[in-house]
PDB file of N, CA and C in Angstrom:
ATOM      1  N   UNK A   1      14.957  15.667   2.916  1.00  0.00           N
ATOM      2  CA  UNK A   1      13.677  15.700   2.728  1.00  0.00           C
ATOM      3  C   UNK A   1      12.946  15.177   3.870  1.00  0.00           C
ATOM      4  N   UNK A   2      11.937  15.820   4.700  1.00  0.00           N
ATOM      5  CA  UNK A   2      11.177  15.320   5.698  1.00  0.00           C
ATOM      6  C   UNK A   2      10.078  14.304   4.984  1.00  0.00           C
ATOM      7  N   UNK A   3       9.875  12.917   5.576  1.00  0.00           N
ATOM      8  CA  UNK A   3       8.716  12.256   5.067  1.00  0.00           C
ATOM      9  C   UNK A   3       7.558  12.451   5.930  1.00  0.00           C
ATOM     10  N   UNK A   4       6.349  12.750   5.398  1.00  0.00           N
ATOM     11  CA  UNK A   4       5.063  12.654   6.000  1.00  0.00           C
ATOM     12  C   UNK A   4       4.057  11.982   5.071  1.00  0.00           C
ATOM     13  N   UNK A   5       3.134  11.288   5.926  1.00  0.00           N
ATOM     14  CA  UNK A   5       2.163  10.565   5.027  1.00  0.00           C
ATOM     15  C   UNK A   5       0.847  10.045   5.745  1.00  0.00           C
ATOM     16  N   UNK A   6       0.128   9.170   5.325  1.00  0.00           N
ATOM     17  CA  UNK A   6      -1.034   8.521   5.928  1.00  0.00           C
ATOM     18  C   UNK A   6      -0.938   7.169   5.550  1.00  0.00           C
ATOM     19  N   UNK A   7      -1.480   6.390   6.496  1.00  0.00           N
ATOM     20  CA  UNK A   7      -1.752   4.944   6.469  1.00  0.00           C
ATOM     21  C   UNK A   7      -3.000   4.409   6.857  1.00  0.00           C
ATOM     22  N   UNK A   8      -3.253   2.808   6.626  1.00  0.00           N
ATOM     23  CA  UNK A   8      -4.329   2.252   7.352  1.00  0.00           C
ATOM     24  C   UNK A   8      -3.903   0.850   7.438  1.00  0.00           C
ATOM     25  N   UNK A   9      -4.242   0.096   8.364  1.00  0.00           N
ATOM     26  CA  UNK A   9      -4.042  -1.367   8.754  1.00  0.00           C
ATOM     27  C   UNK A   9      -5.353  -1.842   9.040  1.00  0.00           C
ATOM     28  N   UNK A  10      -5.455  -3.171   8.736  1.00  0.00           N
ATOM     29  CA  UNK A  10      -6.580  -4.086   9.077  1.00  0.00           C
ATOM     30  C   UNK A  10      -6.095  -5.201   9.666  1.00  0.00           C
ATOM     31  N   UNK A  11      -6.581  -5.887  10.627  1.00  0.00           N
ATOM     32  CA  UNK A  11      -6.290  -7.191  11.356  1.00  0.00           C
ATOM     33  C   UNK A  11      -6.807  -8.364  10.521  1.00  0.00           C
ATOM     34  N   UNK A  12      -5.885  -9.104  10.565  1.00  0.00           N
ATOM     35  CA  UNK A  12      -6.343 -10.397   9.964  1.00  0.00           C
ATOM     36  C   UNK A  12      -6.447 -11.462  10.979  1.00  0.00           C
ATOM     37  N   UNK A  13      -7.263 -12.592  10.759  1.00  0.00           N
ATOM     38  CA  UNK A  13      -7.543 -13.652  12.028  1.00  0.00           C
ATOM     39  C   UNK A  13      -6.609 -13.994  12.856  1.00  0.00           C
ATOM     40  N   UNK A  14      -5.426 -14.276  12.202  1.00  0.00           N
ATOM     41  CA  UNK A  14      -4.116 -14.601  12.688  1.00  0.00           C
ATOM     42  C   UNK A  14      -3.482 -13.753  13.625  1.00  0.00           C
ATOM     43  N   UNK A  15      -4.126 -12.437  13.315  1.00  0.00           N
ATOM     44  CA  UNK A  15      -3.428 -11.259  14.334  1.00  0.00           C
ATOM     45  C   UNK A  15      -2.461 -10.324  13.522  1.00  0.00           C
ATOM     46  N   UNK A  16      -2.070 -10.606  12.192  1.00  0.00           N
ATOM     47  CA  UNK A  16      -1.147 -10.041  11.390  1.00  0.00           C
ATOM     48  C   UNK A  16      -2.018  -8.683  10.896  1.00  0.00           C
ATOM     49  N   UNK A  17      -0.992  -7.852  10.407  1.00  0.00           N
ATOM     50  CA  UNK A  17      -1.855  -6.644   9.698  1.00  0.00           C
ATOM     51  C   UNK A  17      -1.485  -6.396   8.192  1.00  0.00           C
ATOM     52  N   UNK A  18      -2.372  -6.001   7.609  1.00  0.00           N
ATOM     53  CA  UNK A  18      -2.334  -5.647   6.187  1.00  0.00           C
ATOM     54  C   UNK A  18      -2.839  -4.238   5.809  1.00  0.00           C
ATOM     55  N   UNK A  19      -2.015  -3.333   5.182  1.00  0.00           N
ATOM     56  CA  UNK A  19      -2.554  -2.131   4.818  1.00  0.00           C
ATOM     57  C   UNK A  19      -1.742  -1.267   3.776  1.00  0.00           C
ATOM     58  N   UNK A  20      -1.923  -0.117   3.733  1.00  0.00           N
ATOM     59  CA  UNK A  20      -1.289   0.690   2.527  1.00  0.00           C
ATOM     60  C   UNK A  20      -0.918   1.915   3.334  1.00  0.00           C
ATOM     61  N   UNK A  21       0.009   2.613   2.643  1.00  0.00           N
ATOM     62  CA  UNK A  21       0.600   4.010   3.159  1.00  0.00           C
ATOM     63  C   UNK A  21       0.963   4.748   1.918  1.00  0.00           C
ATOM     64  N   UNK A  22       0.954   5.963   1.867  1.00  0.00           N
ATOM     65  CA  UNK A  22       1.355   6.926   0.825  1.00  0.00           C
ATOM     66  C   UNK A  22       2.154   8.084   1.678  1.00  0.00           C
ATOM     67  N   UNK A  23       3.031   8.695   1.019  1.00  0.00           N
ATOM     68  CA  UNK A  23       3.847   9.889   1.615  1.00  0.00           C
ATOM     69  C   UNK A  23       4.208  10.790   0.397  1.00  0.00           C
ATOM     70  N   UNK A  24       4.656  12.130   1.021  1.00  0.00           N
ATOM     71  CA  UNK A  24       5.013  13.016   0.212  1.00  0.00           C
ATOM     72  C   UNK A  24       6.259  12.753  -0.780  1.00  0.00           C
ATOM     73  N   UNK A  25       6.816  11.688  -0.803  1.00  0.00           N
ATOM     74  CA  UNK A  25       7.862  11.009  -1.422  1.00  0.00           C
ATOM     75  C   UNK A  25       7.566   9.934  -2.644  1.00  0.00           C
ATOM     76  N   UNK A  26       6.423   9.579  -2.532  1.00  0.00           N
ATOM     77  CA  UNK A  26       5.689   8.412  -3.410  1.00  0.00           C
ATOM     78  C   UNK A  26       4.671   9.163  -4.279  1.00  0.00           C
ATOM     79  N   UNK A  27       4.308   8.462  -5.479  1.00  0.00           N
ATOM     80  CA  UNK A  27       3.339   8.685  -6.453  1.00  0.00           C
ATOM     81  C   UNK A  27       2.291   7.852  -6.193  1.00  0.00           C
ATOM     82  N   UNK A  28       2.373   6.685  -5.699  1.00  0.00           N
ATOM     83  CA  UNK A  28       1.251   5.570  -5.455  1.00  0.00           C
ATOM     84  C   UNK A  28       1.254   4.958  -4.052  1.00  0.00           C
ATOM     85  N   UNK A  29       0.262   4.465  -3.655  1.00  0.00           N
ATOM     86  CA  UNK A  29      -0.113   3.546  -2.554  1.00  0.00           C
ATOM     87  C   UNK A  29       0.927   2.395  -2.396  1.00  0.00           C
ATOM     88  N   UNK A  30       1.510   1.993  -1.200  1.00  0.00           N
ATOM     89  CA  UNK A  30       2.533   1.188  -1.172  1.00  0.00           C
ATOM     90  C   UNK A  30       1.743   0.069  -0.123  1.00  0.00           C
ATOM     91  N   UNK A  31       1.783  -1.094  -0.448  1.00  0.00           N
ATOM     92  CA  UNK A  31       1.295  -2.487   0.482  1.00  0.00           C
ATOM     93  C   UNK A  31       2.303  -2.455   1.686  1.00  0.00           C
ATOM     94  N   UNK A  32       1.675  -2.767   2.839  1.00  0.00           N
ATOM     95  CA  UNK A  32       2.610  -2.841   3.989  1.00  0.00           C
ATOM     96  C   UNK A  32       1.951  -4.068   4.713  1.00  0.00           C
ATOM     97  N   UNK A  33       2.659  -5.346   5.132  1.00  0.00           N
ATOM     98  CA  UNK A  33       2.357  -6.201   5.782  1.00  0.00           C
ATOM     99  C   UNK A  33       3.132  -6.351   7.196  1.00  0.00           C
ATOM    100  N   UNK A  34       2.576  -6.733   8.194  1.00  0.00           N
ATOM    101  CA  UNK A  34       3.003  -6.903   9.225  1.00  0.00           C
ATOM    102  C   UNK A  34       2.899  -8.398  10.167  1.00  0.00           C
ATOM    103  N   UNK A  35       3.840  -9.085  10.512  1.00  0.00           N
ATOM    104  CA  UNK A  35       3.649 -10.222  11.413  1.00  0.00           C
ATOM    105  C   UNK A  35       3.521  -9.926  12.714  1.00  0.00           C
ATOM    106  N   UNK A  36       2.621 -10.501  13.571  1.00  0.00           N
ATOM    107  CA  UNK A  36       2.753 -10.049  15.153  1.00  0.00           C
ATOM    108  C   UNK A  36       3.533 -10.959  15.561  1.00  0.00           C
ATOM    109  N   UNK A  37       4.403 -10.460  16.671  1.00  0.00           N
ATOM    110  CA  UNK A  37       5.626 -11.096  17.290  1.00  0.00           C
ATOM    111  C   UNK A  37       4.813 -11.929  18.487  1.00  0.00           C
ATOM    112  N   UNK A  38       5.568 -13.167  18.956  1.00  0.00           N
ATOM    113  CA  UNK A  38       4.880 -14.228  19.858  1.00  0.00           C
ATOM    114  C   UNK A  38       4.670 -13.321  21.139  1.00  0.00           C
ATOM    115  N   UNK A  39       3.585 -13.900  21.792  1.00  0.00           N
ATOM    116  CA  UNK A  39       3.250 -13.358  23.191  1.00  0.00           C
ATOM    117  C   UNK A  39       2.299 -12.347  23.058  1.00  0.00           C
ATOM    118  N   UNK A  40       1.741 -11.627  21.944  1.00  0.00           N
ATOM    119  CA  UNK A  40       0.917 -10.700  21.914  1.00  0.00           C
ATOM    120  C   UNK A  40      -0.474 -11.002  21.479  1.00  0.00           C
ATOM    121  N   UNK A  41      -1.444 -10.459  22.103  1.00  0.00           N
ATOM    122  CA  UNK A  41      -2.880 -10.625  21.653  1.00  0.00           C
ATOM    123  C   UNK A  41      -3.171 -10.430  20.303  1.00  0.00           C
ATOM    124  N   UNK A  42      -3.526 -11.371  19.608  1.00  0.00           N
ATOM    125  CA  UNK A  42      -3.998 -11.191  18.168  1.00  0.00           C
ATOM    126  C   UNK A  42      -5.130 -10.686  17.852  1.00  0.00           C
ATOM    127  N   UNK A  43      -5.976 -10.349  18.703  1.00  0.00           N
ATOM    128  CA  UNK A  43      -7.266  -9.594  18.582  1.00  0.00           C
ATOM    129  C   UNK A  43      -7.172  -8.043  18.680  1.00  0.00           C
ATOM    130  N   UNK A  44      -5.988  -7.702  19.303  1.00  0.00           N
ATOM    131  CA  UNK A  44      -5.864  -6.294  19.471  1.00  0.00           C
ATOM    132  C   UNK A  44      -4.912  -5.517  18.594  1.00  0.00           C
ATOM    133  N   UNK A  45      -4.848  -4.339  18.334  1.00  0.00           N
ATOM    134  CA  UNK A  45      -3.766  -3.781  17.605  1.00  0.00           C
ATOM    135  C   UNK A  45      -2.695  -3.442  18.273  1.00  0.00           C
ATOM    136  N   UNK A  46      -2.791  -3.269  19.617  1.00  0.00           N
ATOM    137  CA  UNK A  46      -1.754  -3.055  20.554  1.00  0.00           C
ATOM    138  C   UNK A  46      -0.749  -4.184  20.598  1.00  0.00           C
ATOM    139  N   UNK A  47       0.480  -4.138  20.005  1.00  0.00           N
ATOM    140  CA  UNK A  47       1.598  -5.165  19.817  1.00  0.00           C
ATOM    141  C   UNK A  47       2.708  -4.700  19.308  1.00  0.00           C
ATOM    142  N   UNK A  48       3.548  -5.854  19.138  1.00  0.00           N
ATOM    143  CA  UNK A  48       4.832  -5.589  18.447  1.00  0.00           C
ATOM    144  C   UNK A  48       4.806  -6.376  17.153  1.00  0.00           C
ATOM    145  N   UNK A  49       5.289  -5.898  16.120  1.00  0.00           N
ATOM    146  CA  UNK A  49       5.185  -6.525  14.614  1.00  0.00           C
ATOM    147  C   UNK A  49       6.708  -6.504  13.874  1.00  0.00           C
ATOM    148  N   UNK A  50       6.705  -7.494  13.203  1.00  0.00           N
ATOM    149  CA  UNK A  50       7.897  -7.219  12.219  1.00  0.00           C
ATOM    150  C   UNK A  50       7.035  -6.885  11.146  1.00  0.00           C
ATOM    151  N   UNK A  51       7.228  -5.840  10.336  1.00  0.00           N
ATOM    152  CA  UNK A  51       6.710  -5.084   9.106  1.00  0.00           C
ATOM    153  C   UNK A  51       7.589  -5.225   7.993  1.00  0.00           C
ATOM    154  N   UNK A  52       6.991  -5.232   6.832  1.00  0.00           N
ATOM    155  CA  UNK A  52       7.806  -5.184   5.637  1.00  0.00           C
ATOM    156  C   UNK A  52       6.935  -4.636   4.646  1.00  0.00           C
ATOM    157  N   UNK A  53       7.787  -3.933   3.426  1.00  0.00           N
ATOM    158  CA  UNK A  53       7.045  -3.237   2.387  1.00  0.00           C
ATOM    159  C   UNK A  53       8.193  -3.196   1.290  1.00  0.00           C
ATOM    160  N   UNK A  54       7.570  -2.730   0.008  1.00  0.00           N
ATOM    161  CA  UNK A  54       8.382  -2.723  -1.287  1.00  0.00           C
ATOM    162  C   UNK A  54       8.331  -1.288  -1.815  1.00  0.00           C
ATOM    163  N   UNK A  55       9.256  -0.784  -2.113  1.00  0.00           N
ATOM    164  CA  UNK A  55       9.460   0.581  -2.621  1.00  0.00           C
ATOM    165  C   UNK A  55      10.325   0.397  -4.037  1.00  0.00           C
ATOM    166  N   UNK A  56       9.666   0.530  -5.064  1.00  0.00           N
ATOM    167  CA  UNK A  56      10.252   0.235  -6.331  1.00  0.00           C
ATOM    168  C   UNK A  56      10.668  -1.164  -6.092  1.00  0.00           C
ATOM    169  N   UNK A  57      11.871  -1.622  -6.476  1.00  0.00           N
ATOM    170  CA  UNK A  57      12.016  -3.101  -6.341  1.00  0.00           C
ATOM    171  C   UNK A  57      13.005  -3.199  -5.014  1.00  0.00           C
ATOM    172  N   UNK A  58      13.009  -2.440  -4.234  1.00  0.00           N
ATOM    173  CA  UNK A  58      13.686  -2.424  -2.739  1.00  0.00           C
ATOM    174  C   UNK A  58      12.720  -2.903  -1.764  1.00  0.00           C
ATOM    175  N   UNK A  59      13.115  -4.009  -0.975  1.00  0.00           N
ATOM    176  CA  UNK A  59      12.315  -4.417   0.119  1.00  0.00           C
ATOM    177  C   UNK A  59      12.916  -3.889   1.248  1.00  0.00           C
ATOM    178  N   UNK A  60      11.974  -3.333   2.433  1.00  0.00           N
ATOM    179  CA  UNK A  60      12.410  -2.898   3.559  1.00  0.00           C
ATOM    180  C   UNK A  60      11.594  -3.637   4.715  1.00  0.00           C
ATOM    181  N   UNK A  61      12.150  -3.752   5.866  1.00  0.00           N
ATOM    182  CA  UNK A  61      11.682  -4.403   7.041  1.00  0.00           C
ATOM    183  C   UNK A  61      12.010  -3.417   8.280  1.00  0.00           C
ATOM    184  N   UNK A  62      11.162  -3.720   9.114  1.00  0.00           N
ATOM    185  CA  UNK A  62      11.213  -2.791  10.392  1.00  0.00           C
ATOM    186  C   UNK A  62      10.559  -3.462  11.557  1.00  0.00           C
ATOM    187  N   UNK A  63      10.876  -3.118  12.805  1.00  0.00           N
ATOM    188  CA  UNK A  63      10.010  -3.434  14.010  1.00  0.00           C
ATOM    189  C   UNK A  63       8.859  -2.377  14.039  1.00  0.00           C
ATOM    190  N   UNK A  64       7.659  -2.693  14.373  1.00  0.00           N
ATOM    191  CA  UNK A  64       6.604  -1.791  14.530  1.00  0.00           C
ATOM    192  C   UNK A  64       5.959  -1.956  15.914  1.00  0.00           C
ATOM    193  N   UNK A  65       5.839  -1.098  16.831  1.00  0.00           N
ATOM    194  CA  UNK A  65       5.248  -1.029  18.063  1.00  0.00           C
ATOM    195  C   UNK A  65       4.217  -0.133  17.985  1.00  0.00           C
ATOM    196  N   UNK A  66       2.955  -0.741  18.309  1.00  0.00           N
ATOM    197  CA  UNK A  66       1.547  -0.105  18.364  1.00  0.00           C
ATOM    198  C   UNK A  66       1.098   0.006  19.602  1.00  0.00           C
ATOM    199  N   UNK A  67       1.095   1.248  20.391  1.00  0.00           N
ATOM    200  CA  UNK A  67       0.637   1.307  21.870  1.00  0.00           C
ATOM    201  C   UNK A  67      -0.678   2.121  21.921  1.00  0.00           C
ATOM    202  N   UNK A  68      -1.342   2.086  22.917  1.00  0.00           N
ATOM    203  CA  UNK A  68      -2.647   3.016  23.195  1.00  0.00           C
ATOM    204  C   UNK A  68      -1.943   4.206  23.720  1.00  0.00           C
ATOM    205  N   UNK A  69      -2.548   5.597  23.286  1.00  0.00           N
ATOM    206  CA  UNK A  69      -2.081   6.804  23.866  1.00  0.00           C
ATOM    207  C   UNK A  69      -2.635   6.891  25.392  1.00  0.00           C
ATOM    208  N   UNK A  70      -1.383   7.380  26.052  1.00  0.00           N
ATOM    209  CA  UNK A  70      -1.771   7.242  27.598  1.00  0.00           C
ATOM    210  C   UNK A  70      -3.003   8.481  27.808  1.00  0.00           C
ATOM    211  N   UNK A  71      -2.880   9.596  27.186  1.00  0.00           N
ATOM    212  CA  UNK A  71      -3.950  10.518  27.722  1.00  0.00           C
ATOM    213  C   UNK A  71      -5.062  10.576  26.903  1.00  0.00           C
ATOM    214  N   UNK A  72      -5.155   9.716  25.598  1.00  0.00           N
ATOM    215  CA  UNK A  72      -6.514   9.589  24.962  1.00  0.00           C
ATOM    216  C   UNK A  72      -6.357   8.203  24.456  1.00  0.00           C
ATOM    217  N   UNK A  73      -7.205   7.352  25.287  1.00  0.00           N
ATOM    218  CA  UNK A  73      -7.285   5.849  24.993  1.00  0.00           C
ATOM    219  C   UNK A  73      -7.942   5.569  23.749  1.00  0.00           C
ATOM    220  N   UNK A  74      -8.601   6.671  22.772  1.00  0.00           N
ATOM    221  CA  UNK A  74      -9.049   6.117  21.620  1.00  0.00           C
ATOM    222  C   UNK A  74      -7.931   6.475  20.439  1.00  0.00           C
ATOM    223  N   UNK A  75      -6.935   6.840  21.055  1.00  0.00           N
ATOM    224  CA  UNK A  75      -5.636   7.039  19.959  1.00  0.00           C
ATOM    225  C   UNK A  75      -4.887   5.991  20.075  1.00  0.00           C
ATOM    226  N   UNK A  76      -3.856   5.807  19.042  1.00  0.00           N
ATOM    227  CA  UNK A  76      -2.771   4.604  19.119  1.00  0.00           C
ATOM    228  C   UNK A  76      -1.572   5.541  18.841  1.00  0.00           C
ATOM    229  N   UNK A  77      -0.487   5.235  19.461  1.00  0.00           N
ATOM    230  CA  UNK A  77       0.859   5.704  18.939  1.00  0.00           C
ATOM    231  C   UNK A  77       1.634   4.553  18.310  1.00  0.00           C
ATOM    232  N   UNK A  78       2.182   5.062  17.192  1.00  0.00           N
ATOM    233  CA  UNK A  78       2.913   3.868  16.463  1.00  0.00           C
ATOM    234  C   UNK A  78       4.358   4.357  16.079  1.00  0.00           C
ATOM    235  N   UNK A  79       5.377   3.493  16.274  1.00  0.00           N
ATOM    236  CA  UNK A  79       6.630   3.589  16.195  1.00  0.00           C
ATOM    237  C   UNK A  79       7.257   2.398  15.339  1.00  0.00           C
ATOM    238  N   UNK A  80       7.925   2.865  14.298  1.00  0.00           N
ATOM    239  CA  UNK A  80       8.595   1.996  13.420  1.00  0.00           C
ATOM    240  C   UNK A  80      10.012   2.099  13.655  1.00  0.00           C
ATOM    241  N   UNK A  81      10.882   1.129  13.749  1.00  0.00           N
ATOM    242  CA  UNK A  81      12.124   1.053  14.287  1.00  0.00           C
ATOM    243  C   UNK A  81      13.103   0.213  13.463  1.00  0.00           C
ATOM    244  N   UNK A  82      14.289   0.707  13.186  1.00  0.00           N
ATOM    245  CA  UNK A  82      15.130  -0.168  12.521  1.00  0.00           C
ATOM    246  C   UNK A  82      15.448  -1.424  13.040  1.00  0.00           C
ATOM    247  N   UNK A  83      15.518  -2.457  12.281  1.00  0.00           N
ATOM    248  CA  UNK A  83      15.538  -3.785  12.723  1.00  0.00           C
ATOM    249  C   UNK A  83      16.984  -4.118  13.466  1.00  0.00           C
ATOM    250  N   UNK A  84      18.243  -3.404  12.961  1.00  0.00           N
ATOM    251  CA  UNK A  84      19.420  -3.697  13.519  1.00  0.00           C
ATOM    252  C   UNK A  84      19.592  -2.928  14.622  1.00  0.00           C
ATOM    253  N   UNK A  85      19.497  -1.590  14.274  1.00  0.00           N
ATOM    254  CA  UNK A  85      19.918  -0.654  15.426  1.00  0.00           C
ATOM    255  C   UNK A  85      18.750  -0.354  16.582  1.00  0.00           C
ATOM    256  N   UNK A  86      17.546  -0.790  16.209  1.00  0.00           N
ATOM    257  CA  UNK A  86      16.231  -0.355  17.032  1.00  0.00           C
ATOM    258  C   UNK A  86      16.185   1.159  17.317  1.00  0.00           C
ATOM    259  N   UNK A  87      16.784   1.968  16.070  1.00  0.00           N
ATOM    260  CA  UNK A  87      16.444   3.359  16.458  1.00  0.00           C
ATOM    261  C   UNK A  87      15.354   3.723  15.499  1.00  0.00           C
ATOM    262  N   UNK A  88      14.486   4.973  15.964  1.00  0.00           N
ATOM    263  CA  UNK A  88      13.358   5.169  15.361  1.00  0.00           C
ATOM    264  C   UNK A  88      13.405   5.498  13.927  1.00  0.00           C
ATOM    265  N   UNK A  89      12.621   5.171  13.041  1.00  0.00           N
ATOM    266  CA  UNK A  89      12.701   5.600  11.627  1.00  0.00           C
ATOM    267  C   UNK A  89      11.467   6.558  11.435  1.00  0.00           C
ATOM    268  N   UNK A  90      10.270   6.036  11.828  1.00  0.00           N
ATOM    269  CA  UNK A  90       8.921   6.838  11.636  1.00  0.00           C
ATOM    270  C   UNK A  90       8.220   6.836  12.947  1.00  0.00           C
ATOM    271  N   UNK A  91       7.491   7.764  13.173  1.00  0.00           N
ATOM    272  CA  UNK A  91       6.331   7.637  14.476  1.00  0.00           C
ATOM    273  C   UNK A  91       5.038   8.338  13.616  1.00  0.00           C
ATOM    274  N   UNK A  92       4.137   7.534  14.353  1.00  0.00           N
ATOM    275  CA  UNK A  92       2.817   8.006  13.944  1.00  0.00           C
ATOM    276  C   UNK A  92       1.545   8.036  14.985  1.00  0.00           C
ATOM    277  N   UNK A  93       0.401   8.578  14.624  1.00  0.00           N
ATOM    278  CA  UNK A  93      -0.961   8.416  15.730  1.00  0.00           C
ATOM    279  C   UNK A  93      -1.867   7.907  14.611  1.00  0.00           C
ATOM    280  N   UNK A  94      -2.795   7.297  15.194  1.00  0.00           N
ATOM    281  CA  UNK A  94      -3.923   6.942  14.488  1.00  0.00           C
ATOM    282  C   UNK A  94      -5.240   6.544  15.486  1.00  0.00           C
ATOM    283  N   UNK A  95      -6.137   6.038  14.869  1.00  0.00           N
ATOM    284  CA  UNK A  95      -7.466   5.910  15.565  1.00  0.00           C
ATOM    285  C   UNK A  95      -8.136   4.472  14.723  1.00  0.00           C
ATOM    286  N   UNK A  96      -9.040   3.882  15.600  1.00  0.00           N
ATOM    287  CA  UNK A  96      -9.617   2.710  14.896  1.00  0.00           C
ATOM    288  C   UNK A  96     -11.126   3.067  14.609  1.00  0.00           C
ATOM    289  N   UNK A  97     -11.419   2.919  13.379  1.00  0.00           N
ATOM    290  CA  UNK A  97     -12.730   3.011  13.095  1.00  0.00           C
ATOM    291  C   UNK A  97     -13.128   1.696  12.099  1.00  0.00           C
ATOM    292  N   UNK A  98     -14.424   1.172  12.582  1.00  0.00           N
ATOM    293  CA  UNK A  98     -14.833  -0.172  12.025  1.00  0.00           C
ATOM    294  C   UNK A  98     -13.742  -1.129  11.784  1.00  0.00           C
ATOM    295  N   UNK A  99     -12.927  -1.457  12.600  1.00  0.00           N
ATOM    296  CA  UNK A  99     -11.920  -2.458  12.604  1.00  0.00           C
ATOM    297  C   UNK A  99     -10.847  -1.975  11.702  1.00  0.00           C
ATOM    298  N   UNK A 100     -10.412  -0.865  11.473  1.00  0.00           N
ATOM    299  CA  UNK A 100      -9.539  -0.205  10.638  1.00  0.00           C
ATOM    300  C   UNK A 100      -8.572   0.680  11.354  1.00  0.00           C
ATOM    301  N   UNK A 101      -7.359   0.566  11.596  1.00  0.00           N
ATOM    302  CA  UNK A 101      -6.381   1.514  12.129  1.00  0.00           C
ATOM    303  C   UNK A 101      -5.989   2.511  11.079  1.00  0.00           C
ATOM    304  N   UNK A 102      -6.468   3.903  11.246  1.00  0.00           N
ATOM    305  CA  UNK A 102      -6.229   5.043  10.316  1.00  0.00           C
ATOM    306  C   UNK A 102      -5.326   5.897  10.917  1.00  0.00           C
ATOM    307  N   UNK A 103      -4.252   6.496  10.251  1.00  0.00           N
ATOM    308  CA  UNK A 103      -3.469   7.527  10.939  1.00  0.00           C
ATOM    309  C   UNK A 103      -2.550   8.118   9.883  1.00  0.00           C
ATOM    310  N   UNK A 104      -1.491   8.752  10.512  1.00  0.00           N
ATOM    311  CA  UNK A 104      -0.752   9.628   9.861  1.00  0.00           C
ATOM    312  C   UNK A 104       0.699   9.511  10.396  1.00  0.00           C
ATOM    313  N   UNK A 105       1.783   9.733   9.945  1.00  0.00           N
ATOM    314  CA  UNK A 105       3.108   9.374  10.173  1.00  0.00           C
ATOM    315  C   UNK A 105       4.087  10.034   9.564  1.00  0.00           C
ATOM    316  N   UNK A 106       4.993  10.251  10.122  1.00  0.00           N
ATOM    317  CA  UNK A 106       6.285  11.070   9.619  1.00  0.00           C
ATOM    318  C   UNK A 106       7.504  10.616  10.036  1.00  0.00           C
ATOM    319  N   UNK A 107       8.672  11.024   9.463  1.00  0.00           N
ATOM    320  CA  UNK A 107      10.085  10.586   9.715  1.00  0.00           C
ATOM    321  C   UNK A 107      10.636  10.974  11.043  1.00  0.00           C
ATOM    322  N   UNK A 108      11.485  10.560  11.692  1.00  0.00           N
ATOM    323  CA  UNK A 108      12.048  11.169  13.050  1.00  0.00           C
ATOM    324  C   UNK A 108      12.924  12.052  12.642  1.00  0.00           C
ATOM    325  N   UNK A 109      13.340  13.228  13.445  1.00  0.00           N
ATOM    326  CA  UNK A 109      14.456  14.305  13.042  1.00  0.00           C
ATOM    327  C   UNK A 109      15.755  13.414  12.936  1.00  0.00           C
ATOM    328  N   UNK A 110      16.713  13.804  12.054  1.00  0.00           N
ATOM    329  CA  UNK A 110      18.227  13.210  12.317  1.00  0.00           C
ATOM    330  C   UNK A 110      18.255  11.605  12.089  1.00  0.00           C
ATOM    331  N   UNK A 111      17.128  11.126  11.541  1.00  0.00           N
ATOM    332  CA  UNK A 111      17.241   9.437  11.413  1.00  0.00           C
ATOM    333  C   UNK A 111      17.043   9.175   9.943  1.00  0.00           C
ATOM    334  N   UNK A 112      17.896   8.165   9.616  1.00  0.00           N
ATOM    335  CA  UNK A 112      17.847   7.934   8.257  1.00  0.00           C
ATOM    336  C   UNK A 112      16.919   6.857   7.699  1.00  0.00           C
ATOM    337  N   UNK A 113      16.625   6.744   6.643  1.00  0.00           N
ATOM    338  CA  UNK A 113      15.501   5.694   6.113  1.00  0.00           C
ATOM    339  C   UNK A 113      16.193   4.422   6.335  1.00  0.00           C
ATOM    340  N   UNK A 114      15.255   3.382   6.411  1.00  0.00           N
ATOM    341  CA  UNK A 114      15.648   1.951   6.909  1.00  0.00           C
ATOM    342  C   UNK A 114      16.479   1.448   5.538  1.00  0.00           C
ATOM    343  N   UNK A 115      17.334   0.720   5.954  1.00  0.00           N
ATOM    344  CA  UNK A 115      18.459   0.059   4.948  1.00  0.00           C
ATOM    345  C   UNK A 115      17.301  -1.077   4.123  1.00  0.00           C
ATOM    346  N   UNK A 116      17.526  -1.264   2.843  1.00  0.00           N
ATOM    347  CA  UNK A 116      16.967  -2.431   2.158  1.00  0.00           C
ATOM    348  C   UNK A 116      17.320  -3.733   2.690  1.00  0.00           C
ATOM    349  N   UNK A 117      16.443  -4.693   2.557  1.00  0.00           N
ATOM    350  CA  UNK A 117      16.702  -6.022   3.186  1.00  0.00           C
ATOM    351  C   UNK A 117      17.415  -6.796   2.157  1.00  0.00           C
TER     352      UNK A 117
END
C-alpha cells in the first residue's frame, strides 16, 4: 500500500521541530518531533534533523532534510531518510504560513517503512 498524508511543523526557540501528521494508513494524528543537527541555523526551517515518532507502541526515527525548492522559493522540499541506510523513506512538499510549515508527503516507490528503533 502506498502511503500519502499531510503534516505540519512549528519551530521551537532552540531550532527543533514539533508537529503532527496523518496518512491513509492511520486513524489519528501522530506527534513527530525533530532535533536540529549541529551547524544549521536554528531560525530557519531549512536544515537537517533527527526526527522521531510513535505508531502504536513502536518508535521510529529518521533523518529529515528540509530544503527550499529551487524553482519556487516559497516552497520547501522534505526528505525523510532511513538512519542506517540513508535510503529515502518519504518525500514531501510544503509551504510556510504564519511560522508553520504545512505540507503533504508520500512514500518513495520500492522503499520499505523505517525499522522500529
